[in-house]
Amino acid sequence: MNAKTAKILGKFAVLKGISEKQLKRDWMSLSQDDKDKKRQEILKEIVKT
Protein backbone atom coordinates (compact mmCIF):
# COMPACT_ATOMS: atom_id res chain seq x y z
CA MET A 1 0.00 0.00 0.00
CA ASN A 2 1.43 3.35 -0.95
CA ALA A 3 0.97 6.63 0.91
CA LYS A 4 -1.72 7.88 -1.47
CA THR A 5 -3.87 4.79 -0.92
CA ALA A 6 -3.37 4.99 2.84
CA LYS A 7 -4.51 8.62 2.81
CA ILE A 8 -7.62 7.74 0.77
CA LEU A 9 -8.48 4.86 3.11
CA GLY A 10 -8.01 7.15 6.10
CA LYS A 11 -10.40 9.75 4.70
CA PHE A 12 -12.95 7.05 3.87
CA ALA A 13 -12.72 5.57 7.36
CA VAL A 14 -13.39 8.97 8.95
CA LEU A 15 -16.23 9.63 6.51
CA LYS A 16 -17.94 6.32 7.28
CA GLY A 17 -17.07 6.30 10.98
CA ILE A 18 -15.29 2.96 10.85
CA SER A 19 -11.92 1.82 12.16
CA GLU A 20 -9.09 2.84 9.85
CA LYS A 21 -7.01 -0.06 11.14
CA GLN A 22 -9.71 -2.61 10.28
CA LEU A 23 -10.28 -1.03 6.86
CA LYS A 24 -6.57 -1.34 6.07
CA ARG A 25 -6.55 -4.97 7.20
CA ASP A 26 -9.47 -5.70 4.89
CA TRP A 27 -7.72 -3.83 2.09
CA MET A 28 -4.58 -5.98 2.39
CA SER A 29 -6.64 -9.16 2.01
CA LEU A 30 -8.07 -8.12 -1.38
CA SER A 31 -6.69 -9.21 -4.73
CA GLN A 32 -5.24 -6.59 -7.07
CA ASP A 33 -8.39 -6.52 -9.23
CA ASP A 34 -10.59 -6.15 -6.15
CA LYS A 35 -8.36 -3.36 -4.84
CA ASP A 36 -8.76 -1.46 -8.12
CA LYS A 37 -12.55 -1.77 -8.02
CA LYS A 38 -12.77 -0.89 -4.32
CA ARG A 39 -10.49 2.14 -4.78
CA GLN A 40 -12.76 3.51 -7.52
CA GLU A 41 -15.82 3.02 -5.30
CA ILE A 42 -14.11 4.78 -2.39
CA LEU A 43 -13.03 7.70 -4.56
CA LYS A 44 -16.62 8.13 -5.80
CA GLU A 45 -17.87 8.18 -2.20
CA ILE A 46 -15.28 10.74 -1.13
CA VAL A 47 -16.03 13.01 -4.09
CA LYS A 48 -19.78 12.97 -3.35
CA THR A 49 -19.20 14.64 0.03
PDB file of N, CA and C in Angstrom:
ATOM      1  N   MET A   1       0.862  -1.168   0.000  1.00  0.00           N
ATOM      2  CA  MET A   1       0.000   0.000   0.000  1.00  0.00           C
ATOM      3  C   MET A   1       0.907   1.229   0.000  1.00  0.00           C
ATOM      4  N   ASN A   2       0.635   2.123  -0.919  1.00  0.00           N
ATOM      5  CA  ASN A   2       1.432   3.349  -0.955  1.00  0.00           C
ATOM      6  C   ASN A   2       0.769   4.437  -0.106  1.00  0.00           C
ATOM      7  N   ALA A   3       1.450   5.551   0.042  1.00  0.00           N
ATOM      8  CA  ALA A   3       0.973   6.631   0.905  1.00  0.00           C
ATOM      9  C   ALA A   3      -0.337   7.225   0.406  1.00  0.00           C
ATOM     10  N   LYS A   4      -0.496   7.302  -0.899  1.00  0.00           N
ATOM     11  CA  LYS A   4      -1.718   7.880  -1.473  1.00  0.00           C
ATOM     12  C   LYS A   4      -2.934   7.012  -1.129  1.00  0.00           C
ATOM     13  N   THR A   5      -2.784   5.705  -1.249  1.00  0.00           N
ATOM     14  CA  THR A   5      -3.873   4.789  -0.916  1.00  0.00           C
ATOM     15  C   THR A   5      -4.182   4.853   0.570  1.00  0.00           C
ATOM     16  N   ALA A   6      -3.161   4.912   1.392  1.00  0.00           N
ATOM     17  CA  ALA A   6      -3.374   4.991   2.837  1.00  0.00           C
ATOM     18  C   ALA A   6      -4.146   6.258   3.207  1.00  0.00           C
ATOM     19  N   LYS A   7      -3.828   7.349   2.549  1.00  0.00           N
ATOM     20  CA  LYS A   7      -4.512   8.616   2.809  1.00  0.00           C
ATOM     21  C   LYS A   7      -5.987   8.522   2.402  1.00  0.00           C
ATOM     22  N   ILE A   8      -6.245   7.913   1.249  1.00  0.00           N
ATOM     23  CA  ILE A   8      -7.620   7.744   0.772  1.00  0.00           C
ATOM     24  C   ILE A   8      -8.414   6.854   1.733  1.00  0.00           C
ATOM     25  N   LEU A   9      -7.803   5.754   2.170  1.00  0.00           N
ATOM     26  CA  LEU A   9      -8.481   4.862   3.107  1.00  0.00           C
ATOM     27  C   LEU A   9      -8.748   5.562   4.434  1.00  0.00           C
ATOM     28  N   GLY A  10      -7.818   6.397   4.862  1.00  0.00           N
ATOM     29  CA  GLY A  10      -8.007   7.155   6.102  1.00  0.00           C
ATOM     30  C   GLY A  10      -9.180   8.107   6.008  1.00  0.00           C
ATOM     31  N   LYS A  11      -9.279   8.829   4.905  1.00  0.00           N
ATOM     32  CA  LYS A  11     -10.398   9.749   4.703  1.00  0.00           C
ATOM     33  C   LYS A  11     -11.714   8.994   4.658  1.00  0.00           C
ATOM     34  N   PHE A  12     -11.732   7.852   3.986  1.00  0.00           N
ATOM     35  CA  PHE A  12     -12.946   7.051   3.867  1.00  0.00           C
ATOM     36  C   PHE A  12     -13.382   6.513   5.228  1.00  0.00           C
ATOM     37  N   ALA A  13     -12.407   6.088   6.030  1.00  0.00           N
ATOM     38  CA  ALA A  13     -12.724   5.570   7.364  1.00  0.00           C
ATOM     39  C   ALA A  13     -13.364   6.651   8.226  1.00  0.00           C
ATOM     40  N   VAL A  14     -12.830   7.860   8.174  1.00  0.00           N
ATOM     41  CA  VAL A  14     -13.394   8.968   8.950  1.00  0.00           C
ATOM     42  C   VAL A  14     -14.793   9.303   8.438  1.00  0.00           C
ATOM     43  N   LEU A  15     -14.954   9.321   7.123  1.00  0.00           N
ATOM     44  CA  LEU A  15     -16.234   9.634   6.510  1.00  0.00           C
ATOM     45  C   LEU A  15     -17.319   8.645   6.928  1.00  0.00           C
ATOM     46  N   LYS A  16     -16.977   7.368   6.938  1.00  0.00           N
ATOM     47  CA  LYS A  16     -17.943   6.320   7.276  1.00  0.00           C
ATOM     48  C   LYS A  16     -18.009   6.018   8.765  1.00  0.00           C
ATOM     49  N   GLY A  17     -17.074   6.548   9.536  1.00  0.00           N
ATOM     50  CA  GLY A  17     -17.072   6.300  10.976  1.00  0.00           C
ATOM     51  C   GLY A  17     -16.663   4.889  11.339  1.00  0.00           C
ATOM     52  N   ILE A  18     -15.764   4.313  10.562  1.00  0.00           N
ATOM     53  CA  ILE A  18     -15.292   2.963  10.847  1.00  0.00           C
ATOM     54  C   ILE A  18     -13.813   3.006  11.209  1.00  0.00           C
ATOM     55  N   SER A  19     -13.309   1.914  11.736  1.00  0.00           N
ATOM     56  CA  SER A  19     -11.924   1.824  12.163  1.00  0.00           C
ATOM     57  C   SER A  19     -10.982   1.824  10.960  1.00  0.00           C
ATOM     58  N   GLU A  20     -10.067   2.760  10.944  1.00  0.00           N
ATOM     59  CA  GLU A  20      -9.092   2.843   9.854  1.00  0.00           C
ATOM     60  C   GLU A  20      -8.203   1.597   9.846  1.00  0.00           C
ATOM     61  N   LYS A  21      -7.858   1.122  11.016  1.00  0.00           N
ATOM     62  CA  LYS A  21      -7.013  -0.060  11.137  1.00  0.00           C
ATOM     63  C   LYS A  21      -7.691  -1.288  10.520  1.00  0.00           C
ATOM     64  N   GLN A  22      -8.975  -1.471  10.820  1.00  0.00           N
ATOM     65  CA  GLN A  22      -9.709  -2.610  10.277  1.00  0.00           C
ATOM     66  C   GLN A  22      -9.880  -2.472   8.767  1.00  0.00           C
ATOM     67  N   LEU A  23     -10.126  -1.268   8.293  1.00  0.00           N
ATOM     68  CA  LEU A  23     -10.280  -1.030   6.865  1.00  0.00           C
ATOM     69  C   LEU A  23      -8.990  -1.390   6.123  1.00  0.00           C
ATOM     70  N   LYS A  24      -7.859  -1.016   6.692  1.00  0.00           N
ATOM     71  CA  LYS A  24      -6.568  -1.339   6.071  1.00  0.00           C
ATOM     72  C   LYS A  24      -6.302  -2.836   6.086  1.00  0.00           C
ATOM     73  N   ARG A  25      -6.704  -3.509   7.153  1.00  0.00           N
ATOM     74  CA  ARG A  25      -6.552  -4.973   7.195  1.00  0.00           C
ATOM     75  C   ARG A  25      -7.373  -5.626   6.090  1.00  0.00           C
ATOM     76  N   ASP A  26      -8.617  -5.167   5.947  1.00  0.00           N
ATOM     77  CA  ASP A  26      -9.474  -5.703   4.894  1.00  0.00           C
ATOM     78  C   ASP A  26      -8.882  -5.426   3.519  1.00  0.00           C
ATOM     79  N   TRP A  27      -8.318  -4.229   3.359  1.00  0.00           N
ATOM     80  CA  TRP A  27      -7.717  -3.830   2.087  1.00  0.00           C
ATOM     81  C   TRP A  27      -6.576  -4.777   1.693  1.00  0.00           C
ATOM     82  N   MET A  28      -5.739  -5.128   2.666  1.00  0.00           N
ATOM     83  CA  MET A  28      -4.583  -5.976   2.391  1.00  0.00           C
ATOM     84  C   MET A  28      -4.991  -7.400   2.001  1.00  0.00           C
ATOM     85  N   SER A  29      -6.197  -7.804   2.340  1.00  0.00           N
ATOM     86  CA  SER A  29      -6.645  -9.160   2.015  1.00  0.00           C
ATOM     87  C   SER A  29      -7.258  -9.255   0.617  1.00  0.00           C
ATOM     88  N   LEU A  30      -7.459  -8.124  -0.053  1.00  0.00           N
ATOM     89  CA  LEU A  30      -8.071  -8.117  -1.376  1.00  0.00           C
ATOM     90  C   LEU A  30      -7.051  -8.445  -2.464  1.00  0.00           C
ATOM     91  N   SER A  31      -7.548  -8.994  -3.574  1.00  0.00           N
ATOM     92  CA  SER A  31      -6.692  -9.212  -4.734  1.00  0.00           C
ATOM     93  C   SER A  31      -6.478  -7.880  -5.448  1.00  0.00           C
ATOM     94  N   GLN A  32      -5.543  -7.837  -6.382  1.00  0.00           N
ATOM     95  CA  GLN A  32      -5.242  -6.591  -7.073  1.00  0.00           C
ATOM     96  C   GLN A  32      -6.457  -6.068  -7.841  1.00  0.00           C
ATOM     97  N   ASP A  33      -7.191  -6.945  -8.496  1.00  0.00           N
ATOM     98  CA  ASP A  33      -8.394  -6.519  -9.226  1.00  0.00           C
ATOM     99  C   ASP A  33      -9.440  -5.954  -8.280  1.00  0.00           C
ATOM    100  N   ASP A  34      -9.617  -6.619  -7.133  1.00  0.00           N
ATOM    101  CA  ASP A  34     -10.588  -6.151  -6.152  1.00  0.00           C
ATOM    102  C   ASP A  34     -10.171  -4.809  -5.558  1.00  0.00           C
ATOM    103  N   LYS A  35      -8.864  -4.627  -5.363  1.00  0.00           N
ATOM    104  CA  LYS A  35      -8.362  -3.356  -4.842  1.00  0.00           C
ATOM    105  C   LYS A  35      -8.672  -2.224  -5.821  1.00  0.00           C
ATOM    106  N   ASP A  36      -8.478  -2.484  -7.115  1.00  0.00           N
ATOM    107  CA  ASP A  36      -8.757  -1.461  -8.124  1.00  0.00           C
ATOM    108  C   ASP A  36     -10.227  -1.053  -8.105  1.00  0.00           C
ATOM    109  N   LYS A  37     -11.112  -2.046  -8.042  1.00  0.00           N
ATOM    110  CA  LYS A  37     -12.551  -1.771  -8.020  1.00  0.00           C
ATOM    111  C   LYS A  37     -12.951  -1.028  -6.743  1.00  0.00           C
ATOM    112  N   LYS A  38     -12.440  -1.493  -5.611  1.00  0.00           N
ATOM    113  CA  LYS A  38     -12.772  -0.885  -4.320  1.00  0.00           C
ATOM    114  C   LYS A  38     -12.253   0.552  -4.252  1.00  0.00           C
ATOM    115  N   ARG A  39     -11.068   0.796  -4.804  1.00  0.00           N
ATOM    116  CA  ARG A  39     -10.489   2.142  -4.785  1.00  0.00           C
ATOM    117  C   ARG A  39     -11.366   3.107  -5.581  1.00  0.00           C
ATOM    118  N   GLN A  40     -11.881   2.661  -6.723  1.00  0.00           N
ATOM    119  CA  GLN A  40     -12.756   3.510  -7.520  1.00  0.00           C
ATOM    120  C   GLN A  40     -14.053   3.819  -6.775  1.00  0.00           C
ATOM    121  N   GLU A  41     -14.606   2.814  -6.085  1.00  0.00           N
ATOM    122  CA  GLU A  41     -15.825   3.020  -5.297  1.00  0.00           C
ATOM    123  C   GLU A  41     -15.572   4.031  -4.173  1.00  0.00           C
ATOM    124  N   ILE A  42     -14.441   3.886  -3.495  1.00  0.00           N
ATOM    125  CA  ILE A  42     -14.107   4.775  -2.388  1.00  0.00           C
ATOM    126  C   ILE A  42     -13.931   6.196  -2.893  1.00  0.00           C
ATOM    127  N   LEU A  43     -13.243   6.365  -4.012  1.00  0.00           N
ATOM    128  CA  LEU A  43     -13.035   7.703  -4.563  1.00  0.00           C
ATOM    129  C   LEU A  43     -14.364   8.358  -4.929  1.00  0.00           C
ATOM    130  N   LYS A  44     -15.303   7.587  -5.472  1.00  0.00           N
ATOM    131  CA  LYS A  44     -16.624   8.128  -5.796  1.00  0.00           C
ATOM    132  C   LYS A  44     -17.340   8.601  -4.536  1.00  0.00           C
ATOM    133  N   GLU A  45     -17.243   7.821  -3.465  1.00  0.00           N
ATOM    134  CA  GLU A  45     -17.874   8.177  -2.197  1.00  0.00           C
ATOM    135  C   GLU A  45     -17.278   9.465  -1.623  1.00  0.00           C
ATOM    136  N   ILE A  46     -15.962   9.568  -1.678  1.00  0.00           N
ATOM    137  CA  ILE A  46     -15.276  10.735  -1.129  1.00  0.00           C
ATOM    138  C   ILE A  46     -15.638  11.988  -1.931  1.00  0.00           C
ATOM    139  N   VAL A  47     -15.726  11.875  -3.242  1.00  0.00           N
ATOM    140  CA  VAL A  47     -16.027  13.012  -4.089  1.00  0.00           C
ATOM    141  C   VAL A  47     -17.461  13.508  -3.872  1.00  0.00           C
ATOM    142  N   LYS A  48     -18.381  12.602  -3.566  1.00  0.00           N
ATOM    143  CA  LYS A  48     -19.779  12.966  -3.346  1.00  0.00           C
ATOM    144  C   LYS A  48     -19.936  13.932  -2.169  1.00  0.00           C
ATOM    145  N   THR A  49     -19.061  13.798  -1.163  1.00  0.00           N
ATOM    146  CA  THR A  49     -19.205  14.638   0.030  1.00  0.00           C
ATOM    147  C   THR A  49     -18.454  15.938  -0.076  1.00  0.00           C
TER     148      THR A  49
END
